[in-house]
């Protein structure tokens, strides 16, 4: 697996930052961001698609990616399409 670095949040300094990469083989988008707080996690559980099992499996999590980084996500999607 080789990750293509897309970008990092310039507003967070040197102490860990929301970051986006694209897996060059699978074209998956890989994100590092803030762990969602319990209220956000609960809302995600409550607003699950109809007919879908509720809950967050142990091997998954909910993250919060800042809205001002939506352009970074778009860039990651575009990069995945180009691979």
PDB file of N, CA and C in Angstrom:
ATOM      1  N   UNK A   1       0.845  -1.173   0.000  1.00  0.00           N
ATOM      2  CA  UNK A   1       0.000   0.000   0.000  1.00  0.00           C
ATOM      3  C   UNK A   1       0.891   1.236   0.000  1.00  0.00           C
ATOM      4  N   UNK A   2       0.571   2.177  -0.869  1.00  0.00           N
ATOM      5  CA  UNK A   2       1.261   3.457  -0.895  1.00  0.00           C
ATOM      6  C   UNK A   2       0.217   4.559  -0.875  1.00  0.00           C
ATOM      7  N   UNK A   3       0.378   5.486   0.072  1.00  0.00           N
ATOM      8  CA  UNK A   3      -0.571   6.586   0.187  1.00  0.00           C
ATOM      9  C   UNK A   3      -0.048   7.825  -0.517  1.00  0.00           C
ATOM     10  N   UNK A   4      -0.933   8.467  -1.258  1.00  0.00           N
ATOM     11  CA  UNK A   4      -0.645   9.744  -1.902  1.00  0.00           C
ATOM     12  C   UNK A   4      -1.120  10.846  -0.963  1.00  0.00           C
ATOM     13  N   UNK A   5      -0.207  11.656  -0.462  1.00  0.00           N
ATOM     14  CA  UNK A   5      -0.555  12.772   0.422  1.00  0.00           C
ATOM     15  C   UNK A   5      -1.320  13.814  -0.374  1.00  0.00           C
ATOM     16  N   UNK A   6      -2.480  14.223   0.154  1.00  0.00           N
ATOM     17  CA  UNK A   6      -3.281  15.250  -0.503  1.00  0.00           C
ATOM     18  C   UNK A   6      -3.128  16.587   0.200  1.00  0.00           C
ATOM     19  N   UNK A   7      -3.293  16.597   1.510  1.00  0.00           N
ATOM     20  CA  UNK A   7      -3.165  17.865   2.220  1.00  0.00           C
ATOM     21  C   UNK A   7      -3.423  17.726   3.703  1.00  0.00           C
ATOM     22  N   UNK A   8      -3.068  18.775   4.417  1.00  0.00           N
ATOM     23  CA  UNK A   8      -3.193  18.839   5.863  1.00  0.00           C
ATOM     24  C   UNK A   8      -3.811  20.182   6.236  1.00  0.00           C
ATOM     25  N   UNK A   9      -4.540  20.217   7.326  1.00  0.00           N
ATOM     26  CA  UNK A   9      -5.169  21.450   7.785  1.00  0.00           C
ATOM     27  C   UNK A   9      -4.096  22.446   8.211  1.00  0.00           C
ATOM     28  N   UNK A  10      -3.969  23.565   7.509  1.00  0.00           N
ATOM     29  CA  UNK A  10      -2.920  24.529   7.851  1.00  0.00           C
ATOM     30  C   UNK A  10      -3.213  25.299   9.135  1.00  0.00           C
ATOM     31  N   UNK A  11      -4.429  25.188   9.658  1.00  0.00           N
ATOM     32  CA  UNK A  11      -4.809  25.949  10.846  1.00  0.00           C
ATOM     33  C   UNK A  11      -4.480  25.243  12.158  1.00  0.00           C
ATOM     34  N   UNK A  12      -3.963  24.018  12.121  1.00  0.00           N
ATOM     35  CA  UNK A  12      -3.797  23.273  13.359  1.00  0.00           C
ATOM     36  C   UNK A  12      -2.368  23.198  13.861  1.00  0.00           C
ATOM     37  N   UNK A  13      -1.436  23.817  13.215  1.00  0.00           N
ATOM     38  CA  UNK A  13      -0.069  23.839  13.721  1.00  0.00           C
ATOM     39  C   UNK A  13       0.627  22.501  13.578  1.00  0.00           C
ATOM     40  N   UNK A  14       1.457  22.166  14.546  1.00  0.00           N
ATOM     41  CA  UNK A  14       2.302  20.972  14.466  1.00  0.00           C
ATOM     42  C   UNK A  14       1.805  19.811  15.323  1.00  0.00           C
ATOM     43  N   UNK A  15       0.658  19.919  15.948  1.00  0.00           N
ATOM     44  CA  UNK A  15       0.218  18.921  16.917  1.00  0.00           C
ATOM     45  C   UNK A  15      -0.882  18.001  16.395  1.00  0.00           C
ATOM     46  N   UNK A  16      -0.683  17.386  15.261  1.00  0.00           N
ATOM     47  CA  UNK A  16      -1.715  16.518  14.693  1.00  0.00           C
ATOM     48  C   UNK A  16      -2.745  17.371  13.988  1.00  0.00           C
ATOM     49  N   UNK A  17      -3.135  16.954  12.856  1.00  0.00           N
ATOM     50  CA  UNK A  17      -4.014  17.777  12.036  1.00  0.00           C
ATOM     51  C   UNK A  17      -4.912  16.909  11.187  1.00  0.00           C
ATOM     52  N   UNK A  18      -6.119  17.385  10.876  1.00  0.00           N
ATOM     53  CA  UNK A  18      -6.898  16.690   9.860  1.00  0.00           C
ATOM     54  C   UNK A  18      -6.070  16.614   8.575  1.00  0.00           C
ATOM     55  N   UNK A  19      -5.984  15.422   8.040  1.00  0.00           N
ATOM     56  CA  UNK A  19      -5.132  15.154   6.877  1.00  0.00           C
ATOM     57  C   UNK A  19      -5.869  14.211   5.940  1.00  0.00           C
ATOM     58  N   UNK A  20      -5.601  14.319   4.658  1.00  0.00           N
ATOM     59  CA  UNK A  20      -6.215  13.428   3.667  1.00  0.00           C
ATOM     60  C   UNK A  20      -5.136  12.818   2.791  1.00  0.00           C
ATOM     61  N   UNK A  21      -5.311  11.525   2.506  1.00  0.00           N
ATOM     62  CA  UNK A  21      -4.463  10.777   1.581  1.00  0.00           C
ATOM     63  C   UNK A  21      -5.367   9.957   0.678  1.00  0.00           C
ATOM     64  N   UNK A  22      -4.818   9.449  -0.421  1.00  0.00           N
ATOM     65  CA  UNK A  22      -5.512   8.488  -1.274  1.00  0.00           C
ATOM     66  C   UNK A  22      -4.612   7.267  -1.410  1.00  0.00           C
ATOM     67  N   UNK A  23      -5.186   6.086  -1.208  1.00  0.00           N
ATOM     68  CA  UNK A  23      -4.458   4.831  -1.404  1.00  0.00           C
ATOM     69  C   UNK A  23      -4.278   4.652  -2.906  1.00  0.00           C
ATOM     70  N   UNK A  24      -3.041   4.602  -3.364  1.00  0.00           N
ATOM     71  CA  UNK A  24      -2.769   4.535  -4.800  1.00  0.00           C
ATOM     72  C   UNK A  24      -3.253   3.237  -5.444  1.00  0.00           C
ATOM     73  N   UNK A  25      -3.358   2.176  -4.678  1.00  0.00           N
ATOM     74  CA  UNK A  25      -3.801   0.903  -5.239  1.00  0.00           C
ATOM     75  C   UNK A  25      -5.323   0.778  -5.269  1.00  0.00           C
ATOM     76  N   UNK A  26      -5.961   1.085  -4.144  1.00  0.00           N
ATOM     77  CA  UNK A  26      -7.419   0.881  -4.042  1.00  0.00           C
ATOM     78  C   UNK A  26      -8.229   2.126  -4.358  1.00  0.00           C
ATOM     79  N   UNK A  27      -7.563   3.295  -4.362  1.00  0.00           N
ATOM     80  CA  UNK A  27      -8.190   4.600  -4.540  1.00  0.00           C
ATOM     81  C   UNK A  27      -9.085   4.970  -3.355  1.00  0.00           C
ATOM     82  N   UNK A  28      -8.936   4.271  -2.229  1.00  0.00           N
ATOM     83  CA  UNK A  28      -9.658   4.644  -1.016  1.00  0.00           C
ATOM     84  C   UNK A  28      -9.146   5.991  -0.522  1.00  0.00           C
ATOM     85  N   UNK A  29     -10.034   6.788   0.047  1.00  0.00           N
ATOM     86  CA  UNK A  29      -9.642   8.037   0.686  1.00  0.00           C
ATOM     87  C   UNK A  29      -9.386   7.721   2.157  1.00  0.00           C
ATOM     88  N   UNK A  30      -8.237   8.123   2.642  1.00  0.00           N
ATOM     89  CA  UNK A  30      -7.831   7.857   4.024  1.00  0.00           C
ATOM     90  C   UNK A  30      -7.769   9.198   4.742  1.00  0.00           C
ATOM     91  N   UNK A  31      -8.451   9.290   5.876  1.00  0.00           N
ATOM     92  CA  UNK A  31      -8.535  10.548   6.608  1.00  0.00           C
ATOM     93  C   UNK A  31      -8.022  10.404   8.026  1.00  0.00           C
ATOM     94  N   UNK A  32      -7.354  11.414   8.488  1.00  0.00           N
ATOM     95  CA  UNK A  32      -7.039  11.574   9.907  1.00  0.00           C
ATOM     96  C   UNK A  32      -7.804  12.813  10.338  1.00  0.00           C
ATOM     97  N   UNK A  33      -8.544  12.708  11.414  1.00  0.00           N
ATOM     98  CA  UNK A  33      -9.267  13.878  11.899  1.00  0.00           C
ATOM     99  C   UNK A  33      -9.626  13.680  13.352  1.00  0.00           C
ATOM    100  N   UNK A  34     -10.510  14.519  13.836  1.00  0.00           N
ATOM    101  CA  UNK A  34     -10.907  14.505  15.232  1.00  0.00           C
ATOM    102  C   UNK A  34     -11.896  13.380  15.497  1.00  0.00           C
ATOM    103  N   UNK A  35     -11.706  12.672  16.603  1.00  0.00           N
ATOM    104  CA  UNK A  35     -12.692  11.685  17.016  1.00  0.00           C
ATOM    105  C   UNK A  35     -13.966  12.437  17.383  1.00  0.00           C
ATOM    106  N   UNK A  36     -15.080  11.987  16.858  1.00  0.00           N
ATOM    107  CA  UNK A  36     -16.351  12.653  17.136  1.00  0.00           C
ATOM    108  C   UNK A  36     -16.702  12.525  18.609  1.00  0.00           C
ATOM    109  N   UNK A  37     -17.328  13.562  19.145  1.00  0.00           N
ATOM    110  CA  UNK A  37     -17.775  13.503  20.532  1.00  0.00           C
ATOM    111  C   UNK A  37     -18.987  12.574  20.649  1.00  0.00           C
ATOM    112  N   UNK A  38     -19.358  12.263  21.856  1.00  0.00           N
ATOM    113  CA  UNK A  38     -20.422  11.292  22.080  1.00  0.00           C
ATOM    114  C   UNK A  38     -21.758  11.749  21.486  1.00  0.00           C
ATOM    115  N   UNK A  39     -22.059  13.040  21.539  1.00  0.00           N
ATOM    116  CA  UNK A  39     -23.307  13.545  20.963  1.00  0.00           C
ATOM    117  C   UNK A  39     -23.341  13.318  19.451  1.00  0.00           C
ATOM    118  N   UNK A  40     -22.227  13.544  18.783  1.00  0.00           N
ATOM    119  CA  UNK A  40     -22.159  13.317  17.341  1.00  0.00           C
ATOM    120  C   UNK A  40     -22.294  11.833  17.022  1.00  0.00           C
ATOM    121  N   UNK A  41     -21.605  10.999  17.802  1.00  0.00           N
ATOM    122  CA  UNK A  41     -21.706   9.545  17.603  1.00  0.00           C
ATOM    123  C   UNK A  41     -23.156   9.087  17.774  1.00  0.00           C
ATOM    124  N   UNK A  42     -23.835   9.600  18.783  1.00  0.00           N
ATOM    125  CA  UNK A  42     -25.223   9.206  19.027  1.00  0.00           C
ATOM    126  C   UNK A  42     -26.123   9.651  17.881  1.00  0.00           C
ATOM    127  N   UNK A  43     -25.911  10.861  17.372  1.00  0.00           N
ATOM    128  CA  UNK A  43     -26.693  11.334  16.229  1.00  0.00           C
ATOM    129  C   UNK A  43     -26.447  10.456  15.001  1.00  0.00           C
ATOM    130  N   UNK A  44     -25.202  10.037  14.794  1.00  0.00           N
ATOM    131  CA  UNK A  44     -24.890   9.160  13.665  1.00  0.00           C
ATOM    132  C   UNK A  44     -25.643   7.839  13.800  1.00  0.00           C
ATOM    133  N   UNK A  45     -25.721   7.317  15.013  1.00  0.00           N
ATOM    134  CA  UNK A  45     -26.445   6.062  15.251  1.00  0.00           C
ATOM    135  C   UNK A  45     -27.933   6.265  15.015  1.00  0.00           C
ATOM    136  N   UNK A  46     -28.479   7.348  15.532  1.00  0.00           N
ATOM    137  CA  UNK A  46     -29.919   7.600  15.426  1.00  0.00           C
ATOM    138  C   UNK A  46     -30.345   7.914  14.000  1.00  0.00           C
ATOM    139  N   UNK A  47     -29.457   8.443  13.201  1.00  0.00           N
ATOM    140  CA  UNK A  47     -29.805   8.844  11.838  1.00  0.00           C
ATOM    141  C   UNK A  47     -29.240   7.890  10.794  1.00  0.00           C
ATOM    142  N   UNK A  48     -29.230   6.615  11.118  1.00  0.00           N
ATOM    143  CA  UNK A  48     -28.776   5.580  10.194  1.00  0.00           C
ATOM    144  C   UNK A  48     -29.836   5.358   9.123  1.00  0.00           C
ATOM    145  N   UNK A  49     -29.419   4.946   7.953  1.00  0.00           N
ATOM    146  CA  UNK A  49     -30.344   4.691   6.841  1.00  0.00           C
ATOM    147  C   UNK A  49     -31.408   3.669   7.253  1.00  0.00           C
ATOM    148  N   UNK A  50     -32.638   3.872   6.812  1.00  0.00           N
ATOM    149  CA  UNK A  50     -33.704   2.919   7.131  1.00  0.00           C
ATOM    150  C   UNK A  50     -33.323   1.500   6.709  1.00  0.00           C
ATOM    151  N   UNK A  51     -33.573   0.551   7.599  1.00  0.00           N
ATOM    152  CA  UNK A  51     -33.281  -0.835   7.302  1.00  0.00           C
ATOM    153  C   UNK A  51     -31.847  -1.243   7.581  1.00  0.00           C
ATOM    154  N   UNK A  52     -30.999  -0.290   7.890  1.00  0.00           N
ATOM    155  CA  UNK A  52     -29.591  -0.582   8.183  1.00  0.00           C
ATOM    156  C   UNK A  52     -29.441  -0.807   9.680  1.00  0.00           C
ATOM    157  N   UNK A  53     -28.578  -1.726  10.043  1.00  0.00           N
ATOM    158  CA  UNK A  53     -28.338  -1.990  11.465  1.00  0.00           C
ATOM    159  C   UNK A  53     -27.848  -0.721  12.148  1.00  0.00           C
ATOM    160  N   UNK A  54     -28.380  -0.459  13.345  1.00  0.00           N
ATOM    161  CA  UNK A  54     -27.938   0.712  14.096  1.00  0.00           C
ATOM    162  C   UNK A  54     -26.712   0.352  14.918  1.00  0.00           C
ATOM    163  N   UNK A  55     -25.911   1.341  15.179  1.00  0.00           N
ATOM    164  CA  UNK A  55     -24.717   1.126  15.970  1.00  0.00           C
ATOM    165  C   UNK A  55     -23.474   1.351  15.149  1.00  0.00           C
ATOM    166  N   UNK A  56     -22.358   1.409  15.831  1.00  0.00           N
ATOM    167  CA  UNK A  56     -21.064   1.597  15.184  1.00  0.00           C
ATOM    168  C   UNK A  56     -20.229   0.375  15.530  1.00  0.00           C
ATOM    169  N   UNK A  57     -19.912  -0.454  14.546  1.00  0.00           N
ATOM    170  CA  UNK A  57     -19.133  -1.661  14.827  1.00  0.00           C
ATOM    171  C   UNK A  57     -17.785  -1.322  15.470  1.00  0.00           C
ATOM    172  N   UNK A  58     -17.267  -2.249  16.216  1.00  0.00           N
ATOM    173  CA  UNK A  58     -16.007  -2.042  16.937  1.00  0.00           C
ATOM    174  C   UNK A  58     -14.848  -1.708  15.998  1.00  0.00           C
ATOM    175  N   UNK A  59     -14.906  -2.157  14.748  1.00  0.00           N
ATOM    176  CA  UNK A  59     -13.810  -1.902  13.809  1.00  0.00           C
ATOM    177  C   UNK A  59     -13.993  -0.599  13.024  1.00  0.00           C
ATOM    178  N   UNK A  60     -15.018   0.184  13.359  1.00  0.00           N
ATOM    179  CA  UNK A  60     -15.278   1.459  12.693  1.00  0.00           C
ATOM    180  C   UNK A  60     -15.340   2.576  13.732  1.00  0.00           C
ATOM    181  N   UNK A  61     -15.302   3.820  13.260  1.00  0.00           N
ATOM    182  CA  UNK A  61     -15.424   4.961  14.148  1.00  0.00           C
ATOM    183  C   UNK A  61     -16.130   6.089  13.403  1.00  0.00           C
ATOM    184  N   UNK A  62     -16.447   7.132  14.104  1.00  0.00           N
ATOM    185  CA  UNK A  62     -17.011   8.337  13.512  1.00  0.00           C
ATOM    186  C   UNK A  62     -15.984   9.437  13.723  1.00  0.00           C
ATOM    187  N   UNK A  63     -15.625  10.124  12.640  1.00  0.00           N
ATOM    188  CA  UNK A  63     -14.697  11.243  12.754  1.00  0.00           C
ATOM    189  C   UNK A  63     -15.408  12.511  12.335  1.00  0.00           C
ATOM    190  N   UNK A  64     -14.869  13.623  12.754  1.00  0.00           N
ATOM    191  CA  UNK A  64     -15.388  14.929  12.334  1.00  0.00           C
ATOM    192  C   UNK A  64     -14.279  15.607  11.549  1.00  0.00           C
ATOM    193  N   UNK A  65     -14.556  15.892  10.278  1.00  0.00           N
ATOM    194  CA  UNK A  65     -13.595  16.546   9.392  1.00  0.00           C
ATOM    195  C   UNK A  65     -14.086  17.979   9.205  1.00  0.00           C
ATOM    196  N   UNK A  66     -13.314  18.995   9.574  1.00  0.00           N
ATOM    197  CA  UNK A  66     -13.776  20.375   9.560  1.00  0.00           C
ATOM    198  C   UNK A  66     -14.313  20.820   8.189  1.00  0.00           C
ATOM    199  N   UNK A  67     -15.397  21.579   8.218  1.00  0.00           N
ATOM    200  CA  UNK A  67     -16.047  22.045   6.986  1.00  0.00           C
ATOM    201  C   UNK A  67     -15.102  22.869   6.118  1.00  0.00           C
ATOM    202  N   UNK A  68     -14.197  23.622   6.738  1.00  0.00           N
ATOM    203  CA  UNK A  68     -13.305  24.451   5.918  1.00  0.00           C
ATOM    204  C   UNK A  68     -12.317  23.605   5.106  1.00  0.00           C
ATOM    205  N   UNK A  69     -12.315  22.293   5.357  1.00  0.00           N
ATOM    206  CA  UNK A  69     -11.437  21.405   4.592  1.00  0.00           C
ATOM    207  C   UNK A  69     -12.184  20.629   3.502  1.00  0.00           C
ATOM    208  N   UNK A  70     -13.421  20.989   3.224  1.00  0.00           N
ATOM    209  CA  UNK A  70     -14.157  20.333   2.140  1.00  0.00           C
ATOM    210  C   UNK A  70     -13.384  20.407   0.823  1.00  0.00           C
ATOM    211  N   UNK A  71     -12.736  21.515   0.493  1.00  0.00           N
ATOM    212  CA  UNK A  71     -11.931  21.523  -0.733  1.00  0.00           C
ATOM    213  C   UNK A  71     -10.844  20.446  -0.736  1.00  0.00           C
ATOM    214  N   UNK A  72     -10.294  20.142   0.426  1.00  0.00           N
ATOM    215  CA  UNK A  72      -9.291  19.088   0.531  1.00  0.00           C
ATOM    216  C   UNK A  72      -9.904  17.729   0.214  1.00  0.00           C
ATOM    217  N   UNK A  73     -11.117  17.498   0.686  1.00  0.00           N
ATOM    218  CA  UNK A  73     -11.806  16.242   0.365  1.00  0.00           C
ATOM    219  C   UNK A  73     -12.114  16.155  -1.125  1.00  0.00           C
ATOM    220  N   UNK A  74     -12.523  17.272  -1.714  1.00  0.00           N
ATOM    221  CA  UNK A  74     -12.773  17.278  -3.162  1.00  0.00           C
ATOM    222  C   UNK A  74     -11.497  16.951  -3.927  1.00  0.00           C
ATOM    223  N   UNK A  75     -10.391  17.513  -3.469  1.00  0.00           N
ATOM    224  CA  UNK A  75      -9.112  17.240  -4.119  1.00  0.00           C
ATOM    225  C   UNK A  75      -8.759  15.764  -3.990  1.00  0.00           C
ATOM    226  N   UNK A  76      -9.034  15.167  -2.823  1.00  0.00           N
ATOM    227  CA  UNK A  76      -8.777  13.744  -2.628  1.00  0.00           C
ATOM    228  C   UNK A  76      -9.661  12.913  -3.557  1.00  0.00           C
ATOM    229  N   UNK A  77     -10.925  13.295  -3.702  1.00  0.00           N
ATOM    230  CA  UNK A  77     -11.816  12.567  -4.611  1.00  0.00           C
ATOM    231  C   UNK A  77     -11.326  12.668  -6.048  1.00  0.00           C
ATOM    232  N   UNK A  78     -10.914  13.859  -6.454  1.00  0.00           N
ATOM    233  CA  UNK A  78     -10.388  14.050  -7.814  1.00  0.00           C
ATOM    234  C   UNK A  78      -9.127  13.229  -8.026  1.00  0.00           C
ATOM    235  N   UNK A  79      -8.247  13.197  -7.025  1.00  0.00           N
ATOM    236  CA  UNK A  79      -7.019  12.421  -7.142  1.00  0.00           C
ATOM    237  C   UNK A  79      -7.339  10.932  -7.266  1.00  0.00           C
ATOM    238  N   UNK A  80      -8.303  10.455  -6.497  1.00  0.00           N
ATOM    239  CA  UNK A  80      -8.702   9.045  -6.575  1.00  0.00           C
ATOM    240  C   UNK A  80      -9.241   8.710  -7.961  1.00  0.00           C
ATOM    241  N   UNK A  81     -10.000   9.631  -8.548  1.00  0.00           N
ATOM    242  CA  UNK A  81     -10.532   9.407  -9.901  1.00  0.00           C
ATOM    243  C   UNK A  81      -9.424   9.353 -10.947  1.00  0.00           C
ATOM    244  N   UNK A  82      -8.352  10.107 -10.736  1.00  0.00           N
ATOM    245  CA  UNK A  82      -7.253  10.151 -11.707  1.00  0.00           C
ATOM    246  C   UNK A  82      -6.344   8.930 -11.635  1.00  0.00           C
ATOM    247  N   UNK A  83      -6.338   8.242 -10.489  1.00  0.00           N
ATOM    248  CA  UNK A  83      -5.431   7.089 -10.338  1.00  0.00           C
ATOM    249  C   UNK A  83      -5.868   5.912 -11.189  1.00  0.00           C
TER     250      UNK A  83
END
